[in-house]
C-alpha atoms as a PDB file:
ATOM      1  CA  UNK A   1      93.690 -32.399  35.055  1.00  0.00           C
ATOM      2  CA  UNK A   2      90.819 -34.871  35.315  1.00  0.00           C
ATOM      3  CA  UNK A   3      88.512 -32.112  36.572  1.00  0.00           C
ATOM      4  CA  UNK A   4      89.372 -29.943  33.573  1.00  0.00           C
ATOM      5  CA  UNK A   5      88.703 -32.798  31.215  1.00  0.00           C
ATOM      6  CA  UNK A   6      85.330 -33.517  32.849  1.00  0.00           C
ATOM      7  CA  UNK A   7      84.328 -29.848  32.670  1.00  0.00           C
ATOM      8  CA  UNK A   8      85.315 -29.745  28.997  1.00  0.00           C
ATOM      9  CA  UNK A   9      83.194 -32.798  28.272  1.00  0.00           C
ATOM     10  CA  UNK A  10      80.208 -31.259  30.098  1.00  0.00           C
ATOM     11  CA  UNK A  11      80.613 -28.032  28.128  1.00  0.00           C
ATOM     12  CA  UNK A  12      80.699 -29.927  24.834  1.00  0.00           C
ATOM     13  CA  UNK A  13      77.580 -31.885  25.835  1.00  0.00           C
ATOM     14  CA  UNK A  14      75.685 -28.645  26.637  1.00  0.00           C
ATOM     15  CA  UNK A  15      76.705 -27.129  23.295  1.00  0.00           C
ATOM     16  CA  UNK A  16      75.395 -30.208  21.497  1.00  0.00           C
ATOM     17  CA  UNK A  17      72.089 -30.049  23.373  1.00  0.00           C
ATOM     18  CA  UNK A  18      71.651 -26.345  22.585  1.00  0.00           C
ATOM     19  CA  UNK A  19      72.526 -26.884  18.962  1.00  0.00           C
ATOM     20  CA  UNK A  20      69.940 -29.650  18.776  1.00  0.00           C
ATOM     21  CA  UNK A  21      67.263 -27.375  20.249  1.00  0.00           C
ATOM     22  CA  UNK A  22      68.035 -24.729  17.646  1.00  0.00           C
ATOM     23  CA  UNK A  23      67.194 -27.157  14.844  1.00  0.00           C
ATOM     24  CA  UNK A  24      64.161 -29.397  14.546  1.00  0.00           C
ATOM     25  CA  UNK A  25      64.229 -31.088  17.952  1.00  0.00           C
ATOM     26  CA  UNK A  26      66.083 -31.855  21.141  1.00  0.00           C
ATOM     27  CA  UNK A  27      68.507 -34.659  22.093  1.00  0.00           C
ATOM     28  CA  UNK A  28      67.294 -37.148  24.702  1.00  0.00           C
ATOM     29  CA  UNK A  29      69.493 -39.033  27.162  1.00  0.00           C
ATOM     30  CA  UNK A  30      69.980 -41.799  24.663  1.00  0.00           C
ATOM     31  CA  UNK A  31      71.414 -39.283  22.174  1.00  0.00           C
ATOM     32  CA  UNK A  32      68.311 -39.455  19.965  1.00  0.00           C
ATOM     33  CA  UNK A  33      66.698 -36.363  18.453  1.00  0.00           C
ATOM     34  CA  UNK A  34      63.101 -35.838  19.586  1.00  0.00           C
ATOM     35  CA  UNK A  35      60.309 -33.631  18.173  1.00  0.00           C
ATOM     36  CA  UNK A  36      60.403 -29.897  19.002  1.00  0.00           C
ATOM     37  CA  UNK A  37      56.816 -29.419  20.258  1.00  0.00           C
ATOM     38  CA  UNK A  38      57.340 -25.754  21.106  1.00  0.00           C
ATOM     39  CA  UNK A  39      58.313 -24.943  17.497  1.00  0.00           C
ATOM     40  CA  UNK A  40      55.357 -26.954  16.184  1.00  0.00           C
ATOM     41  CA  UNK A  41      53.001 -25.042  18.470  1.00  0.00           C
ATOM     42  CA  UNK A  42      54.338 -21.751  17.201  1.00  0.00           C
ATOM     43  CA  UNK A  43      53.933 -22.870  13.581  1.00  0.00           C
ATOM     44  CA  UNK A  44      50.374 -24.083  14.277  1.00  0.00           C
ATOM     45  CA  UNK A  45      49.518 -20.757  15.891  1.00  0.00           C
ATOM     46  CA  UNK A  46      50.874 -18.863  12.883  1.00  0.00           C
ATOM     47  CA  UNK A  47      48.862 -21.028  10.481  1.00  0.00           C
ATOM     48  CA  UNK A  48      45.690 -20.578  12.555  1.00  0.00           C
ATOM     49  CA  UNK A  49      46.215 -16.821  12.609  1.00  0.00           C
ATOM     50  CA  UNK A  50      46.707 -16.746   8.820  1.00  0.00           C
ATOM     51  CA  UNK A  51      43.521 -18.774   8.263  1.00  0.00           C
ATOM     52  CA  UNK A  52      41.544 -16.490  10.594  1.00  0.00           C
ATOM     53  CA  UNK A  53      42.871 -13.423   8.786  1.00  0.00           C
ATOM     54  CA  UNK A  54      41.915 -14.876   5.396  1.00  0.00           C
ATOM     55  CA  UNK A  55      38.441 -15.811   6.689  1.00  0.00           C
ATOM     56  CA  UNK A  56      37.815 -12.290   8.021  1.00  0.00           C
ATOM     57  CA  UNK A  57      39.025 -10.773   4.744  1.00  0.00           C
ATOM     58  CA  UNK A  58      36.679 -13.034   2.750  1.00  0.00           C
ATOM     59  CA  UNK A  59      33.721 -12.066   4.963  1.00  0.00           C
ATOM     60  CA  UNK A  60      34.530  -8.366   4.633  1.00  0.00           C
ATOM     61  CA  UNK A  61      34.796  -8.666   0.837  1.00  0.00           C
ATOM     62  CA  UNK A  62      31.518 -10.619   0.696  1.00  0.00           C
ATOM     63  CA  UNK A  63      29.744  -8.038   2.858  1.00  0.00           C
ATOM     64  CA  UNK A  64      31.063  -5.240   0.646  1.00  0.00           C
ATOM     65  CA  UNK A  65      29.831  -7.023  -2.486  1.00  0.00           C
ATOM     66  CA  UNK A  66      26.376  -7.547  -0.946  1.00  0.00           C
ATOM     67  CA  UNK A  67      26.198  -3.897   0.115  1.00  0.00           C
ATOM     68  CA  UNK A  68      27.144  -2.815  -3.415  1.00  0.00           C
ATOM     69  CA  UNK A  69      24.508  -5.101  -4.951  1.00  0.00           C
ATOM     70  CA  UNK A  70      21.909  -3.814  -2.485  1.00  0.00           C
ATOM     71  CA  UNK A  71      22.749  -0.221  -3.378  1.00  0.00           C
ATOM     72  CA  UNK A  72      22.379  -0.994  -7.091  1.00  0.00           C
ATOM     73  CA  UNK A  73      19.022  -2.688  -6.464  1.00  0.00           C
ATOM     74  CA  UNK A  74      17.921   0.347  -4.493  1.00  0.00           C
ATOM     75  CA  UNK A  75      18.873   2.659  -7.360  1.00  0.00           C
ATOM     76  CA  UNK A  76      16.938   0.449  -9.801  1.00  0.00           C
ATOM     77  CA  UNK A  77      13.877   0.577  -7.551  1.00  0.00           C
ATOM     78  CA  UNK A  78      14.082   4.360  -7.312  1.00  0.00           C
ATOM     79  CA  UNK A  79      14.366   4.496 -11.095  1.00  0.00           C
ATOM     80  CA  UNK A  80      11.247   2.373 -11.520  1.00  0.00           C
ATOM     81  CA  UNK A  81       9.302   4.530  -9.068  1.00  0.00           C
ATOM     82  CA  UNK A  82      10.342   7.670 -10.929  1.00  0.00           C
ATOM     83  CA  UNK A  83       9.212   6.131 -14.214  1.00  0.00           C
ATOM     84  CA  UNK A  84       5.818   5.284 -12.697  1.00  0.00           C
ATOM     85  CA  UNK A  85       5.366   8.909 -11.584  1.00  0.00           C
ATOM     86  CA  UNK A  86       6.590  10.366 -14.876  1.00  0.00           C
ATOM     87  CA  UNK A  87       3.113  11.426 -15.963  1.00  0.00           C
ATOM     88  CA  UNK A  88       2.693  13.595 -12.903  1.00  0.00           C
ATOM     89  CA  UNK A  89       6.239  14.943 -12.888  1.00  0.00           C
ATOM     90  CA  UNK A  90       6.212  16.009 -16.544  1.00  0.00           C
ATOM     91  CA  UNK A  91       3.512  18.571 -15.876  1.00  0.00           C
ATOM     92  CA  UNK A  92       4.147  19.268 -12.190  1.00  0.00           C
ATOM     93  CA  UNK A  93       3.418  22.914 -11.467  1.00  0.00           C
ATOM     94  CA  UNK A  94       2.228  23.524 -15.037  1.00  0.00           C
ATOM     95  CA  UNK A  95      -1.009  25.028 -16.283  1.00  0.00           C
ATOM     96  CA  UNK A  96      -2.235  21.539 -17.266  1.00  0.00           C
ATOM     97  CA  UNK A  97      -1.970  20.216 -13.738  1.00  0.00           C
ATOM     98  CA  UNK A  98      -3.669  23.299 -12.307  1.00  0.00           C
ATOM     99  CA  UNK A  99      -6.572  22.920 -14.746  1.00  0.00           C
ATOM    100  CA  UNK A 100      -7.037  19.191 -14.127  1.00  0.00           C
ATOM    101  CA  UNK A 101      -6.935  19.605 -10.358  1.00  0.00           C
ATOM    102  CA  UNK A 102      -9.466  22.457 -10.514  1.00  0.00           C
ATOM    103  CA  UNK A 103     -11.808  20.411 -12.723  1.00  0.00           C
ATOM    104  CA  UNK A 104     -11.495  17.518 -10.306  1.00  0.00           C
ATOM    105  CA  UNK A 105     -12.529  19.764  -7.430  1.00  0.00           C
ATOM    106  CA  UNK A 106     -15.518  21.178  -9.340  1.00  0.00           C
ATOM    107  CA  UNK A 107     -16.798  18.077 -11.128  1.00  0.00           C
ATOM    108  CA  UNK A 108     -15.389  15.203  -9.068  1.00  0.00           C
ATOM    109  CA  UNK A 109     -13.885  11.938 -10.266  1.00  0.00           C
ATOM    110  CA  UNK A 110     -14.508   8.411  -8.955  1.00  0.00           C
ATOM    111  CA  UNK A 111     -11.502   6.288  -7.878  1.00  0.00           C
ATOM    112  CA  UNK A 112      -8.979   8.330  -9.893  1.00  0.00           C
ATOM    113  CA  UNK A 113      -5.897   6.788 -11.438  1.00  0.00           C
ATOM    114  CA  UNK A 114      -2.974   8.957 -12.537  1.00  0.00           C
ATOM    115  CA  UNK A 115      -2.198   9.140 -16.223  1.00  0.00           C
ATOM    116  CA  UNK A 116       1.275   7.784 -16.992  1.00  0.00           C
ATOM    117  CA  UNK A 117       3.192   7.121 -20.185  1.00  0.00           C
ATOM    118  CA  UNK A 118       2.006   3.510 -20.424  1.00  0.00           C
ATOM    119  CA  UNK A 119      -1.644   4.590 -20.190  1.00  0.00           C
ATOM    120  CA  UNK A 120      -0.970   7.418 -22.613  1.00  0.00           C
ATOM    121  CA  UNK A 121      -0.042   4.802 -25.224  1.00  0.00           C
ATOM    122  CA  UNK A 122      -2.131   1.778 -24.276  1.00  0.00           C
ATOM    123  CA  UNK A 123      -5.356   3.385 -23.024  1.00  0.00           C
ATOM    124  CA  UNK A 124      -5.522   6.603 -25.043  1.00  0.00           C
ATOM    125  CA  UNK A 125      -3.642   5.547 -28.170  1.00  0.00           C
ATOM    126  CA  UNK A 126      -1.328   8.559 -28.031  1.00  0.00           C
ATOM    127  CA  UNK A 127       2.275   8.701 -29.176  1.00  0.00           C
ATOM    128  CA  UNK A 128       4.385  10.255 -26.358  1.00  0.00           C
ATOM    129  CA  UNK A 129       6.620  11.817 -29.009  1.00  0.00           C
ATOM    130  CA  UNK A 130       3.625  13.992 -30.030  1.00  0.00           C
ATOM    131  CA  UNK A 131       3.178  15.313 -26.490  1.00  0.00           C
ATOM    132  CA  UNK A 132       5.173  18.000 -24.696  1.00  0.00           C
ATOM    133  CA  UNK A 133       3.403  17.742 -21.351  1.00  0.00           C
ATOM    134  CA  UNK A 134       0.492  15.821 -19.909  1.00  0.00           C
ATOM    135  CA  UNK A 135      -1.393  15.378 -16.705  1.00  0.00           C
ATOM    136  CA  UNK A 136      -4.659  13.689 -15.935  1.00  0.00           C
ATOM    137  CA  UNK A 137      -6.812  11.275 -13.999  1.00  0.00           C
ATOM    138  CA  UNK A 138      -9.346   8.715 -15.097  1.00  0.00           C
ATOM    139  CA  UNK A 139     -11.552   6.318 -13.187  1.00  0.00           C
ATOM    140  CA  UNK A 140      -9.899   3.044 -12.250  1.00  0.00           C
ATOM    141  CA  UNK A 141     -13.235   1.200 -11.896  1.00  0.00           C
ATOM    142  CA  UNK A 142     -15.567  -0.085 -14.629  1.00  0.00           C
ATOM    143  CA  UNK A 143     -18.584   1.517 -12.998  1.00  0.00           C
ATOM    144  CA  UNK A 144     -17.498   5.088 -13.762  1.00  0.00           C
ATOM    145  CA  UNK A 145     -16.880   6.908 -17.051  1.00  0.00           C
ATOM    146  CA  UNK A 146     -14.915   9.742 -15.415  1.00  0.00           C
ATOM    147  CA  UNK A 147     -11.966  11.172 -17.396  1.00  0.00           C
ATOM    148  CA  UNK A 148     -10.184  14.486 -16.873  1.00  0.00           C
ATOM    149  CA  UNK A 149      -7.109  14.507 -19.131  1.00  0.00           C
ATOM    150  CA  UNK A 150      -4.962  17.400 -20.361  1.00  0.00           C
ATOM    151  CA  UNK A 151      -2.146  17.375 -22.933  1.00  0.00           C
ATOM    152  CA  UNK A 152       0.116  19.998 -24.446  1.00  0.00           C
ATOM    153  CA  UNK A 153       0.672  18.947 -28.048  1.00  0.00           C
ATOM    154  CA  UNK A 154       3.734  19.518 -30.216  1.00  0.00           C
ATOM    155  CA  UNK A 155       3.429  21.733 -33.258  1.00  0.00           C
ATOM    156  CA  UNK A 156       1.597  20.090 -36.161  1.00  0.00           C
ATOM    157  CA  UNK A 157       0.210  17.216 -34.029  1.00  0.00           C
ATOM    158  CA  UNK A 158      -3.029  18.734 -32.730  1.00  0.00           C
ATOM    159  CA  UNK A 159      -5.277  16.948 -35.258  1.00  0.00           C
ATOM    160  CA  UNK A 160      -3.617  13.591 -34.600  1.00  0.00           C
ATOM    161  CA  UNK A 161      -3.970  13.915 -30.835  1.00  0.00           C
ATOM    162  CA  UNK A 162      -7.557  15.190 -31.046  1.00  0.00           C
ATOM    163  CA  UNK A 163      -8.523  12.172 -33.151  1.00  0.00           C
ATOM    164  CA  UNK A 164      -6.989   9.805 -30.563  1.00  0.00           C
ATOM    165  CA  UNK A 165      -8.934  11.498 -27.753  1.00  0.00           C
ATOM    166  CA  UNK A 166     -12.147  11.302 -29.763  1.00  0.00           C
ATOM    167  CA  UNK A 167     -11.540   7.589 -30.273  1.00  0.00           C
ATOM    168  CA  UNK A 168     -11.070   7.146 -26.540  1.00  0.00           C
ATOM    169  CA  UNK A 169     -14.324   8.969 -25.817  1.00  0.00           C
ATOM    170  CA  UNK A 170     -16.192   6.703 -28.268  1.00  0.00           C
ATOM    171  CA  UNK A 171     -14.729   3.639 -26.545  1.00  0.00           C
ATOM    172  CA  UNK A 172     -15.997   4.861 -23.172  1.00  0.00           C
ATOM    173  CA  UNK A 173     -19.460   5.489 -24.653  1.00  0.00           C
ATOM    174  CA  UNK A 174     -19.555   1.939 -26.056  1.00  0.00           C
ATOM    175  CA  UNK A 175     -18.386   0.465 -22.747  1.00  0.00           C
ATOM    176  CA  UNK A 176     -21.486   1.823 -20.983  1.00  0.00           C
ATOM    177  CA  UNK A 177     -24.025   1.525 -23.781  1.00  0.00           C
ATOM    178  CA  UNK A 178     -25.452  -1.789 -22.579  1.00  0.00           C
ATOM    179  CA  UNK A 179     -25.464  -1.025 -18.855  1.00  0.00           C
ATOM    180  CA  UNK A 180     -25.265   1.854 -16.360  1.00  0.00           C
ATOM    181  CA  UNK A 181     -27.354   4.377 -18.358  1.00  0.00           C
ATOM    182  CA  UNK A 182     -26.221   7.241 -16.149  1.00  0.00           C
ATOM    183  CA  UNK A 183     -22.544   6.660 -17.040  1.00  0.00           C
ATOM    184  CA  UNK A 184     -23.506   6.195 -20.686  1.00  0.00           C
ATOM    185  CA  UNK A 185     -25.170   9.628 -20.674  1.00  0.00           C
ATOM    186  CA  UNK A 186     -22.138  11.107 -18.945  1.00  0.00           C
ATOM    187  CA  UNK A 187     -19.780   9.665 -21.577  1.00  0.00           C
ATOM    188  CA  UNK A 188     -21.965  10.971 -24.415  1.00  0.00           C
ATOM    189  CA  UNK A 189     -21.963  14.448 -22.891  1.00  0.00           C
ATOM    190  CA  UNK A 190     -18.151  14.399 -22.538  1.00  0.00           C
ATOM    191  CA  UNK A 191     -16.178  16.983 -24.507  1.00  0.00           C
ATOM    192  CA  UNK A 192     -12.765  17.572 -26.006  1.00  0.00           C
ATOM    193  CA  UNK A 193     -11.936  21.183 -25.215  1.00  0.00           C
ATOM    194  CA  UNK A 194      -9.211  22.816 -27.294  1.00  0.00           C
ATOM    195  CA  UNK A 195      -7.133  25.846 -26.366  1.00  0.00           C
ATOM    196  CA  UNK A 196      -4.389  26.437 -28.907  1.00  0.00           C
ATOM    197  CA  UNK A 197      -2.067  23.438 -28.687  1.00  0.00           C
ATOM    198  CA  UNK A 198      -3.698  22.308 -25.407  1.00  0.00           C
ATOM    199  CA  UNK A 199      -6.395  19.629 -25.495  1.00  0.00           C
ATOM    200  CA  UNK A 200      -8.579  18.421 -22.620  1.00  0.00           C
ATOM    201  CA  UNK A 201     -10.805  15.359 -22.546  1.00  0.00           C
ATOM    202  CA  UNK A 202     -13.490  15.910 -19.919  1.00  0.00           C
ATOM    203  CA  UNK A 203     -16.031  13.221 -19.022  1.00  0.00           C
ATOM    204  CA  UNK A 204     -17.269  14.073 -15.547  1.00  0.00           C
ATOM    205  CA  UNK A 205     -20.019  15.704 -13.543  1.00  0.00           C
ATOM    206  CA  UNK A 206     -23.206  15.027 -11.608  1.00  0.00           C
ATOM    207  CA  UNK A 207     -26.375  13.989 -13.422  1.00  0.00           C
ATOM    208  CA  UNK A 208     -28.524  15.911 -10.936  1.00  0.00           C
ATOM    209  CA  UNK A 209     -26.748  19.125 -11.890  1.00  0.00           C
ATOM    210  CA  UNK A 210     -27.024  18.306 -15.586  1.00  0.00           C
ATOM    211  CA  UNK A 211     -24.060  17.069 -17.606  1.00  0.00           C
ATOM    212  CA  UNK A 212     -24.345  19.856 -20.201  1.00  0.00           C
ATOM    213  CA  UNK A 213     -24.303  22.482 -17.470  1.00  0.00           C
ATOM    214  CA  UNK A 214     -21.317  20.821 -15.826  1.00  0.00           C
ATOM    215  CA  UNK A 215     -19.388  20.638 -19.116  1.00  0.00           C
ATOM    216  CA  UNK A 216     -20.166  24.299 -19.782  1.00  0.00           C
ATOM    217  CA  UNK A 217     -18.675  25.026 -16.386  1.00  0.00           C
ATOM    218  CA  UNK A 218     -15.605  22.953 -17.347  1.00  0.00           C
ATOM    219  CA  UNK A 219     -15.116  25.104 -20.458  1.00  0.00           C
ATOM    220  CA  UNK A 220     -15.328  28.244 -18.317  1.00  0.00           C
ATOM    221  CA  UNK A 221     -12.717  26.908 -15.900  1.00  0.00           C
ATOM    222  CA  UNK A 222     -10.334  25.937 -18.688  1.00  0.00           C
ATOM    223  CA  UNK A 223     -10.856  29.280 -20.470  1.00  0.00           C
ATOM    224  CA  UNK A 224      -9.924  31.097 -17.276  1.00  0.00           C
ATOM    225  CA  UNK A 225      -6.402  29.656 -17.502  1.00  0.00           C
ATOM    226  CA  UNK A 226      -5.870  30.764 -21.111  1.00  0.00           C
ATOM    227  CA  UNK A 227      -6.831  34.444 -21.091  1.00  0.00           C
END
């Protein structure tokens, strides 16, 4: 009977210990509940894992945002480059481009700069809304009067555009009046050559070959494209 009683007491003690472990701690020999370090370790591990997951997610989101911003910047840059090349692209493969390139080969041009929409307005005083197509080059240095510019003009705007080109030619003449006599003579000999609604400003050539002869040759070249 005593053995049974002792075994029952031991069983009850084990149940109490197990029950204590299932809660927040364990029971020590003095019957006091102690901290459950195993449970705390598991909780700490879970919290650390959650923080790591959140950190990775934030980095991924940040990287995605930066990549998106970079792509937008790249598109803006491409747009700006296309705008800068607009003058060339508007007339690419057209009769104007062919004429200007041929004149450049025959007469030459010093340090050429491509005509773009900004120069069309600011340098030549032309309204882009009056122009259907354009292509041209003009010297980028102040020691050369060279201009080879071609424009296809909208209906009813030929006189307006011709006047603007004449004004530009006069400006070039004035720029070289006080110095560089050779370039002054070249600018004076320059011509505005008209073919229907196409206008060409040509200031180019070699003084040794004679500017008048060279401009006559320019008229022949241009005429060959409008037969």
